[in-house]
Amino acid sequence: MSITELNNTISTESFRPSRRQQPSLKIQTPVIHSDAPQAPWVDLVLKRAFDIVSSLSALLVLAPLLLLVALLIKLDSPGPVLFKQTRWGRNCKAIKVYKFRSMRTDLCDVSGVAQTVKNDPRVTRIGAILRRTNIDELPQLLNVLLGDMSVVGPRCHAIGMRAGGMLYEELVPEYHQRHAMRPGMTGLAQMRGLRGPTDRPAKARARIASDLYYVENFSIWMDMRIIVGTVASELAGGKGF
């Protein structure tokens, strides 16, 4: 199956907003349905092996760039080089995700609930470049190496994140099924260009539809196609800001 065919197999029509009120995330830990599809164990082993080799190799090769970025951040604005945030991990466990700091420390949203918008005043000069090129996410290679994240998977969402003014779990009842696998640095939704602020429910449902399709149809070959598709998308011009 080609990347184009893979993209076309995903439909978002079945992901309608739910009017049913969900329990607060602070009160009850979400549960992943036991009847969720189980990925082949061989593919999972290969996926983890690829994560370890690729993240370790990338950290070593990119070490000079990472040090340069760290220096530029320190020279550009006061505050730490790295920014860490609590987000959803595999099986709905809370994990700490690392990024290069791209915002002013006095305006940072530690929770990650406030989405970044175009020309966001919180973003620093160096931060704007880092976000546009996605270099700000390279420290997540540490999360991949430690096993909290994967190179490919549903994007790592902040806990309590909203889309179109609604909690994701209210917008899509099946939302937490996307956490049956480790979150990824890139994913099917990103390969399809579904990035940026989710100011409309339809945008959010399209992303979650891609995530759920990935979880239900995962294979190591799908991961390879997503990586190639992501590289092609970035070379054509990233959409980060």
C-alpha atoms as a PDB file:
ATOM      1  CA  MET A   1       0.000   0.000   0.000  1.00  0.00           C
ATOM      2  CA  SER A   2       1.402   3.405  -0.971  1.00  0.00           C
ATOM      3  CA  ILE A   3       1.418   6.480   1.285  1.00  0.00           C
ATOM      4  CA  THR A   4      -1.335   8.056  -0.800  1.00  0.00           C
ATOM      5  CA  GLU A   5      -3.495   4.938  -0.551  1.00  0.00           C
ATOM      6  CA  LEU A   6      -2.859   4.794   3.196  1.00  0.00           C
ATOM      7  CA  ASN A   7      -4.030   8.392   3.572  1.00  0.00           C
ATOM      8  CA  ASN A   8      -7.168   7.775   1.514  1.00  0.00           C
ATOM      9  CA  THR A   9      -8.270   4.811   3.625  1.00  0.00           C
ATOM     10  CA  ILE A  10      -8.971   7.038   6.618  1.00  0.00           C
ATOM     11  CA  SER A  11     -12.439   8.443   7.117  1.00  0.00           C
ATOM     12  CA  THR A  12     -13.451  10.884   9.828  1.00  0.00           C
ATOM     13  CA  GLU A  13     -17.199  10.654   9.265  1.00  0.00           C
ATOM     14  CA  SER A  14     -17.749   8.317  12.206  1.00  0.00           C
ATOM     15  CA  PHE A  15     -16.082  10.613  14.716  1.00  0.00           C
ATOM     16  CA  ARG A  16     -18.891  12.959  15.710  1.00  0.00           C
ATOM     17  CA  PRO A  17     -18.897  15.195  18.815  1.00  0.00           C
ATOM     18  CA  SER A  18     -20.364  13.507  21.872  1.00  0.00           C
ATOM     19  CA  ARG A  19     -22.795  15.331  24.094  1.00  0.00           C
ATOM     20  CA  ARG A  20     -22.168  12.875  26.901  1.00  0.00           C
ATOM     21  CA  GLN A  21     -20.206  14.470  29.751  1.00  0.00           C
ATOM     22  CA  GLN A  22     -17.002  12.591  30.597  1.00  0.00           C
ATOM     23  CA  PRO A  23     -15.454  12.330  34.082  1.00  0.00           C
ATOM     24  CA  SER A  24     -12.790  14.882  34.930  1.00  0.00           C
ATOM     25  CA  LEU A  25      -9.233  13.804  34.157  1.00  0.00           C
ATOM     26  CA  LYS A  26      -8.186  14.868  37.630  1.00  0.00           C
ATOM     27  CA  ILE A  27     -10.681  12.502  39.259  1.00  0.00           C
ATOM     28  CA  GLN A  28     -10.612   9.336  37.185  1.00  0.00           C
ATOM     29  CA  THR A  29      -7.837   7.715  35.178  1.00  0.00           C
ATOM     30  CA  PRO A  30      -9.052   6.901  31.643  1.00  0.00           C
ATOM     31  CA  VAL A  31      -9.380   3.228  30.741  1.00  0.00           C
ATOM     32  CA  ILE A  32      -8.455   1.652  27.406  1.00  0.00           C
ATOM     33  CA  HIS A  33     -11.018  -0.922  26.290  1.00  0.00           C
ATOM     34  CA  SER A  34      -9.804  -4.502  26.665  1.00  0.00           C
ATOM     35  CA  ASP A  35     -11.171  -5.380  23.247  1.00  0.00           C
ATOM     36  CA  ALA A  36      -8.804  -2.956  21.526  1.00  0.00           C
ATOM     37  CA  PRO A  37      -6.827  -4.610  18.684  1.00  0.00           C
ATOM     38  CA  GLN A  38      -3.489  -6.070  19.783  1.00  0.00           C
ATOM     39  CA  ALA A  39      -0.447  -5.309  17.648  1.00  0.00           C
ATOM     40  CA  PRO A  40       1.673  -8.301  16.510  1.00  0.00           C
ATOM     41  CA  TRP A  41       4.407  -8.903  19.100  1.00  0.00           C
ATOM     42  CA  VAL A  42       7.090  -9.295  16.421  1.00  0.00           C
ATOM     43  CA  ASP A  43       6.277  -5.847  15.040  1.00  0.00           C
ATOM     44  CA  LEU A  44       6.339  -4.378  18.545  1.00  0.00           C
ATOM     45  CA  VAL A  45       9.791  -5.882  19.211  1.00  0.00           C
ATOM     46  CA  LEU A  46      11.101  -4.556  15.898  1.00  0.00           C
ATOM     47  CA  LYS A  47       9.540  -1.172  16.616  1.00  0.00           C
ATOM     48  CA  ARG A  48      11.251  -0.888  20.005  1.00  0.00           C
ATOM     49  CA  ALA A  49      14.582  -2.029  18.541  1.00  0.00           C
ATOM     50  CA  PHE A  50      14.276   0.602  15.820  1.00  0.00           C
ATOM     51  CA  ASP A  51      13.433   3.252  18.433  1.00  0.00           C
ATOM     52  CA  ILE A  52      16.537   2.471  20.497  1.00  0.00           C
ATOM     53  CA  VAL A  53      18.957   2.328  17.562  1.00  0.00           C
ATOM     54  CA  SER A  54      17.570   5.368  15.752  1.00  0.00           C
ATOM     55  CA  SER A  55      17.236   7.624  18.810  1.00  0.00           C
ATOM     56  CA  LEU A  56      20.700   6.787  20.142  1.00  0.00           C
ATOM     57  CA  SER A  57      22.275   7.242  16.715  1.00  0.00           C
ATOM     58  CA  ALA A  58      20.460  10.531  16.160  1.00  0.00           C
ATOM     59  CA  LEU A  59      21.515  11.887  19.557  1.00  0.00           C
ATOM     60  CA  LEU A  60      25.161  11.107  18.797  1.00  0.00           C
ATOM     61  CA  VAL A  61      25.120  12.469  15.244  1.00  0.00           C
ATOM     62  CA  LEU A  62      23.133  15.577  16.168  1.00  0.00           C
ATOM     63  CA  ALA A  63      25.104  16.351  19.347  1.00  0.00           C
ATOM     64  CA  PRO A  64      26.902  19.387  17.825  1.00  0.00           C
ATOM     65  CA  LEU A  65      23.591  20.826  16.585  1.00  0.00           C
ATOM     66  CA  LEU A  66      21.903  20.213  19.942  1.00  0.00           C
ATOM     67  CA  LEU A  67      24.727  22.020  21.771  1.00  0.00           C
ATOM     68  CA  LEU A  68      24.556  24.946  19.332  1.00  0.00           C
ATOM     69  CA  VAL A  69      20.801  25.248  19.779  1.00  0.00           C
ATOM     70  CA  ALA A  70      21.210  25.163  23.558  1.00  0.00           C
ATOM     71  CA  LEU A  71      23.732  28.022  23.363  1.00  0.00           C
ATOM     72  CA  LEU A  72      21.478  30.114  21.109  1.00  0.00           C
ATOM     73  CA  ILE A  73      18.537  29.655  23.465  1.00  0.00           C
ATOM     74  CA  LYS A  74      20.608  30.846  26.434  1.00  0.00           C
ATOM     75  CA  LEU A  75      21.829  33.887  24.480  1.00  0.00           C
ATOM     76  CA  ASP A  76      18.365  34.762  23.181  1.00  0.00           C
ATOM     77  CA  SER A  77      16.345  34.832  26.411  1.00  0.00           C
ATOM     78  CA  PRO A  78      16.725  34.067  30.118  1.00  0.00           C
ATOM     79  CA  GLY A  79      15.609  30.691  31.369  1.00  0.00           C
ATOM     80  CA  PRO A  80      16.409  26.989  31.038  1.00  0.00           C
ATOM     81  CA  VAL A  81      17.368  25.389  27.735  1.00  0.00           C
ATOM     82  CA  LEU A  82      14.934  22.501  28.053  1.00  0.00           C
ATOM     83  CA  PHE A  83      11.212  22.677  28.739  1.00  0.00           C
ATOM     84  CA  LYS A  84       9.398  19.668  30.167  1.00  0.00           C
ATOM     85  CA  GLN A  85       5.687  19.060  30.181  1.00  0.00           C
ATOM     86  CA  THR A  86       3.336  16.388  31.530  1.00  0.00           C
ATOM     87  CA  ARG A  87       1.535  14.572  28.717  1.00  0.00           C
ATOM     88  CA  TRP A  88      -0.373  11.359  28.032  1.00  0.00           C
ATOM     89  CA  GLY A  89       1.825   8.290  27.589  1.00  0.00           C
ATOM     90  CA  ARG A  90       1.120   4.668  26.764  1.00  0.00           C
ATOM     91  CA  ASN A  91      -1.846   3.154  28.640  1.00  0.00           C
ATOM     92  CA  CYS A  92      -2.859   6.658  29.769  1.00  0.00           C
ATOM     93  CA  LYS A  93       0.127   7.053  32.082  1.00  0.00           C
ATOM     94  CA  ALA A  94       1.448  10.576  32.650  1.00  0.00           C
ATOM     95  CA  ILE A  95       4.954  11.120  31.269  1.00  0.00           C
ATOM     96  CA  LYS A  96       7.392  14.036  31.203  1.00  0.00           C
ATOM     97  CA  VAL A  97       8.174  15.115  27.650  1.00  0.00           C
ATOM     98  CA  TYR A  98      11.248  17.205  26.810  1.00  0.00           C
ATOM     99  CA  LYS A  99      11.516  20.001  24.264  1.00  0.00           C
ATOM    100  CA  PHE A 100      13.863  22.896  23.602  1.00  0.00           C
ATOM    101  CA  ARG A 101      12.351  25.969  25.233  1.00  0.00           C
ATOM    102  CA  SER A 102      10.857  28.159  22.524  1.00  0.00           C
ATOM    103  CA  MET A 103       8.831  30.578  24.670  1.00  0.00           C
ATOM    104  CA  ARG A 104       9.507  33.254  27.242  1.00  0.00           C
ATOM    105  CA  THR A 105       9.673  31.789  30.736  1.00  0.00           C
ATOM    106  CA  ASP A 106       7.266  34.383  32.130  1.00  0.00           C
ATOM    107  CA  LEU A 107       4.623  33.487  29.519  1.00  0.00           C
ATOM    108  CA  CYS A 108       5.087  29.728  29.226  1.00  0.00           C
ATOM    109  CA  ASP A 109       2.048  27.520  29.708  1.00  0.00           C
ATOM    110  CA  VAL A 110       3.457  24.623  31.713  1.00  0.00           C
ATOM    111  CA  SER A 111       0.258  22.598  31.329  1.00  0.00           C
ATOM    112  CA  GLY A 112       0.375  22.816  27.522  1.00  0.00           C
ATOM    113  CA  VAL A 113      -3.388  23.377  27.347  1.00  0.00           C
ATOM    114  CA  ALA A 114      -3.061  26.823  25.724  1.00  0.00           C
ATOM    115  CA  GLN A 115      -2.311  26.046  22.072  1.00  0.00           C
ATOM    116  CA  THR A 116       0.255  27.994  20.110  1.00  0.00           C
ATOM    117  CA  VAL A 117      -1.124  30.263  17.398  1.00  0.00           C
ATOM    118  CA  LYS A 118       0.460  32.071  14.479  1.00  0.00           C
ATOM    119  CA  ASN A 119       2.548  35.078  15.593  1.00  0.00           C
ATOM    120  CA  ASP A 120       2.172  33.960  19.200  1.00  0.00           C
ATOM    121  CA  PRO A 121       3.732  36.680  21.443  1.00  0.00           C
ATOM    122  CA  ARG A 122       5.017  34.014  23.831  1.00  0.00           C
ATOM    123  CA  VAL A 123       7.461  32.618  21.257  1.00  0.00           C
ATOM    124  CA  THR A 124      11.050  33.918  21.324  1.00  0.00           C
ATOM    125  CA  ARG A 125      13.072  34.867  18.237  1.00  0.00           C
ATOM    126  CA  ILE A 126      15.079  31.649  18.294  1.00  0.00           C
ATOM    127  CA  GLY A 127      11.967  29.767  19.334  1.00  0.00           C
ATOM    128  CA  ALA A 128      10.167  30.807  16.156  1.00  0.00           C
ATOM    129  CA  ILE A 129      12.913  29.219  14.058  1.00  0.00           C
ATOM    130  CA  LEU A 130      13.027  26.100  16.201  1.00  0.00           C
ATOM    131  CA  ARG A 131       9.277  25.597  15.954  1.00  0.00           C
ATOM    132  CA  ARG A 132       9.129  26.271  12.216  1.00  0.00           C
ATOM    133  CA  THR A 133      11.828  23.657  11.589  1.00  0.00           C
ATOM    134  CA  ASN A 134      10.642  21.296  14.381  1.00  0.00           C
ATOM    135  CA  ILE A 135      14.127  21.384  15.917  1.00  0.00           C
ATOM    136  CA  ASP A 136      12.465  22.207  19.231  1.00  0.00           C
ATOM    137  CA  GLU A 137      11.236  18.600  19.388  1.00  0.00           C
ATOM    138  CA  LEU A 138      14.641  16.923  19.001  1.00  0.00           C
ATOM    139  CA  PRO A 139      15.070  16.466  22.803  1.00  0.00           C
ATOM    140  CA  GLN A 140      12.168  14.023  22.565  1.00  0.00           C
ATOM    141  CA  LEU A 141      14.770  11.600  21.243  1.00  0.00           C
ATOM    142  CA  LEU A 142      15.617  11.172  24.934  1.00  0.00           C
ATOM    143  CA  ASN A 143      12.016  10.166  25.607  1.00  0.00           C
ATOM    144  CA  VAL A 144      12.218   7.657  22.764  1.00  0.00           C
ATOM    145  CA  LEU A 145      15.463   6.184  24.083  1.00  0.00           C
ATOM    146  CA  LEU A 146      14.007   5.901  27.604  1.00  0.00           C
ATOM    147  CA  GLY A 147      10.916   4.126  26.292  1.00  0.00           C
ATOM    148  CA  ASP A 148       8.309   6.788  27.084  1.00  0.00           C
ATOM    149  CA  MET A 149       7.814   7.617  23.418  1.00  0.00           C
ATOM    150  CA  SER A 150       8.379   6.098  19.995  1.00  0.00           C
ATOM    151  CA  VAL A 151       9.652   7.585  16.747  1.00  0.00           C
ATOM    152  CA  VAL A 152       6.210   6.913  15.231  1.00  0.00           C
ATOM    153  CA  GLY A 153       2.882   6.932  17.037  1.00  0.00           C
ATOM    154  CA  PRO A 154      -0.049   9.158  17.932  1.00  0.00           C
ATOM    155  CA  ARG A 155       1.214  12.615  18.818  1.00  0.00           C
ATOM    156  CA  CYS A 156       1.830  13.222  22.506  1.00  0.00           C
ATOM    157  CA  HIS A 157      -1.043  15.352  23.854  1.00  0.00           C
ATOM    158  CA  ALA A 158      -1.028  17.489  26.974  1.00  0.00           C
ATOM    159  CA  ILE A 159      -3.432  16.309  29.667  1.00  0.00           C
ATOM    160  CA  GLY A 160      -6.638  18.326  29.550  1.00  0.00           C
ATOM    161  CA  MET A 161      -6.003  19.494  25.990  1.00  0.00           C
ATOM    162  CA  ARG A 162      -8.955  21.054  24.205  1.00  0.00           C
ATOM    163  CA  ALA A 163     -10.040  21.358  20.602  1.00  0.00           C
ATOM    164  CA  GLY A 164     -12.671  23.825  19.476  1.00  0.00           C
ATOM    165  CA  GLY A 165     -13.348  24.625  23.136  1.00  0.00           C
ATOM    166  CA  MET A 166     -14.051  20.969  24.055  1.00  0.00           C
ATOM    167  CA  LEU A 167     -11.947  18.372  25.816  1.00  0.00           C
ATOM    168  CA  TYR A 168     -10.722  15.770  23.350  1.00  0.00           C
ATOM    169  CA  GLU A 169     -12.433  12.989  25.297  1.00  0.00           C
ATOM    170  CA  GLU A 170     -15.728  14.864  25.017  1.00  0.00           C
ATOM    171  CA  LEU A 171     -15.237  15.480  21.314  1.00  0.00           C
ATOM    172  CA  VAL A 172     -14.307  11.873  20.496  1.00  0.00           C
ATOM    173  CA  PRO A 173     -15.485   9.211  22.997  1.00  0.00           C
ATOM    174  CA  GLU A 174     -12.853   6.766  21.664  1.00  0.00           C
ATOM    175  CA  TYR A 175     -10.082   9.319  22.240  1.00  0.00           C
ATOM    176  CA  HIS A 176      -8.105   7.358  24.846  1.00  0.00           C
ATOM    177  CA  GLN A 177      -7.862   4.305  22.582  1.00  0.00           C
ATOM    178  CA  ARG A 178      -5.058   6.216  20.852  1.00  0.00           C
ATOM    179  CA  HIS A 179      -3.008   5.706  24.031  1.00  0.00           C
ATOM    180  CA  ALA A 180      -2.854   1.942  23.541  1.00  0.00           C
ATOM    181  CA  MET A 181       0.561   2.592  21.983  1.00  0.00           C
ATOM    182  CA  ARG A 182       3.470   4.857  22.858  1.00  0.00           C
ATOM    183  CA  PRO A 183       3.083   8.429  21.613  1.00  0.00           C
ATOM    184  CA  GLY A 184       5.357   9.331  18.721  1.00  0.00           C
ATOM    185  CA  MET A 185       7.553  12.170  17.531  1.00  0.00           C
ATOM    186  CA  THR A 186       5.645  11.920  14.275  1.00  0.00           C
ATOM    187  CA  GLY A 187       2.551  10.038  13.201  1.00  0.00           C
ATOM    188  CA  LEU A 188       0.031   9.378  10.482  1.00  0.00           C
ATOM    189  CA  ALA A 189      -1.826  12.624  11.194  1.00  0.00           C
ATOM    190  CA  GLN A 190       1.371  14.665  10.855  1.00  0.00           C
ATOM    191  CA  MET A 191       2.318  12.885   7.634  1.00  0.00           C
ATOM    192  CA  ARG A 192      -1.069  13.940   6.260  1.00  0.00           C
ATOM    193  CA  GLY A 193      -0.399  17.573   7.179  1.00  0.00           C
ATOM    194  CA  LEU A 194      -2.807  17.681  10.132  1.00  0.00           C
ATOM    195  CA  ARG A 195      -0.854  20.096  12.297  1.00  0.00           C
ATOM    196  CA  GLY A 196      -1.278  23.472  13.934  1.00  0.00           C
ATOM    197  CA  PRO A 197      -3.982  24.682  16.342  1.00  0.00           C
ATOM    198  CA  THR A 198      -7.220  22.694  16.489  1.00  0.00           C
ATOM    199  CA  ASP A 199      -9.587  25.657  16.580  1.00  0.00           C
ATOM    200  CA  ARG A 200     -12.391  23.687  14.923  1.00  0.00           C
ATOM    201  CA  PRO A 201     -13.816  20.308  16.040  1.00  0.00           C
ATOM    202  CA  ALA A 202     -13.497  18.894  12.511  1.00  0.00           C
ATOM    203  CA  LYS A 203      -9.708  19.359  12.600  1.00  0.00           C
ATOM    204  CA  ALA A 204      -9.427  17.529  15.899  1.00  0.00           C
ATOM    205  CA  ARG A 205     -11.664  14.658  14.782  1.00  0.00           C
ATOM    206  CA  ALA A 206      -9.556  14.219  11.639  1.00  0.00           C
ATOM    207  CA  ARG A 207      -6.410  13.892  13.732  1.00  0.00           C
ATOM    208  CA  ILE A 208      -7.923  11.426  16.167  1.00  0.00           C
ATOM    209  CA  ALA A 209      -9.321   9.399  13.260  1.00  0.00           C
ATOM    210  CA  SER A 210      -5.778   9.097  11.909  1.00  0.00           C
ATOM    211  CA  ASP A 211      -4.440   8.109  15.340  1.00  0.00           C
ATOM    212  CA  LEU A 212      -7.078   5.425  15.856  1.00  0.00           C
ATOM    213  CA  TYR A 213      -6.513   4.032  12.371  1.00  0.00           C
ATOM    214  CA  TYR A 214      -2.795   3.786  13.146  1.00  0.00           C
ATOM    215  CA  VAL A 215      -3.361   1.964  16.456  1.00  0.00           C
ATOM    216  CA  GLU A 216      -5.801  -0.495  14.878  1.00  0.00           C
ATOM    217  CA  ASN A 217      -3.656  -1.210  11.799  1.00  0.00           C
ATOM    218  CA  PHE A 218      -0.097  -0.823  13.118  1.00  0.00           C
ATOM    219  CA  SER A 219       2.766  -2.654  11.484  1.00  0.00           C
ATOM    220  CA  ILE A 220       6.484  -1.944  11.275  1.00  0.00           C
ATOM    221  CA  TRP A 221       6.047  -1.317   7.552  1.00  0.00           C
ATOM    222  CA  MET A 222       3.426   1.330   8.252  1.00  0.00           C
ATOM    223  CA  ASP A 223       5.950   3.026  10.534  1.00  0.00           C
ATOM    224  CA  MET A 224       8.534   3.074   7.745  1.00  0.00           C
ATOM    225  CA  ARG A 225       6.020   4.584   5.320  1.00  0.00           C
ATOM    226  CA  ILE A 226       5.075   7.251   7.850  1.00  0.00           C
ATOM    227  CA  ILE A 227       8.728   8.161   8.418  1.00  0.00           C
ATOM    228  CA  VAL A 228       9.327   8.492   4.677  1.00  0.00           C
ATOM    229  CA  GLY A 229       6.101  10.478   4.288  1.00  0.00           C
ATOM    230  CA  THR A 230       7.031  12.796   7.163  1.00  0.00           C
ATOM    231  CA  VAL A 231      10.460  13.510   5.677  1.00  0.00           C
ATOM    232  CA  ALA A 232       8.862  14.244   2.314  1.00  0.00           C
ATOM    233  CA  SER A 233       6.321  16.547   3.979  1.00  0.00           C
ATOM    234  CA  GLU A 234       9.027  18.431   5.871  1.00  0.00           C
ATOM    235  CA  LEU A 235      11.173  18.852   2.763  1.00  0.00           C
ATOM    236  CA  ALA A 236       8.137  20.299   1.012  1.00  0.00           C
ATOM    237  CA  GLY A 237       7.850  22.877   3.805  1.00  0.00           C
ATOM    238  CA  GLY A 238       6.935  22.329   7.453  1.00  0.00           C
ATOM    239  CA  LYS A 239       3.844  23.918   8.975  1.00  0.00           C
ATOM    240  CA  GLY A 240       5.074  24.485  12.502  1.00  0.00           C
ATOM    241  CA  PHE A 241       4.922  27.894  14.184  1.00  0.00           C
END
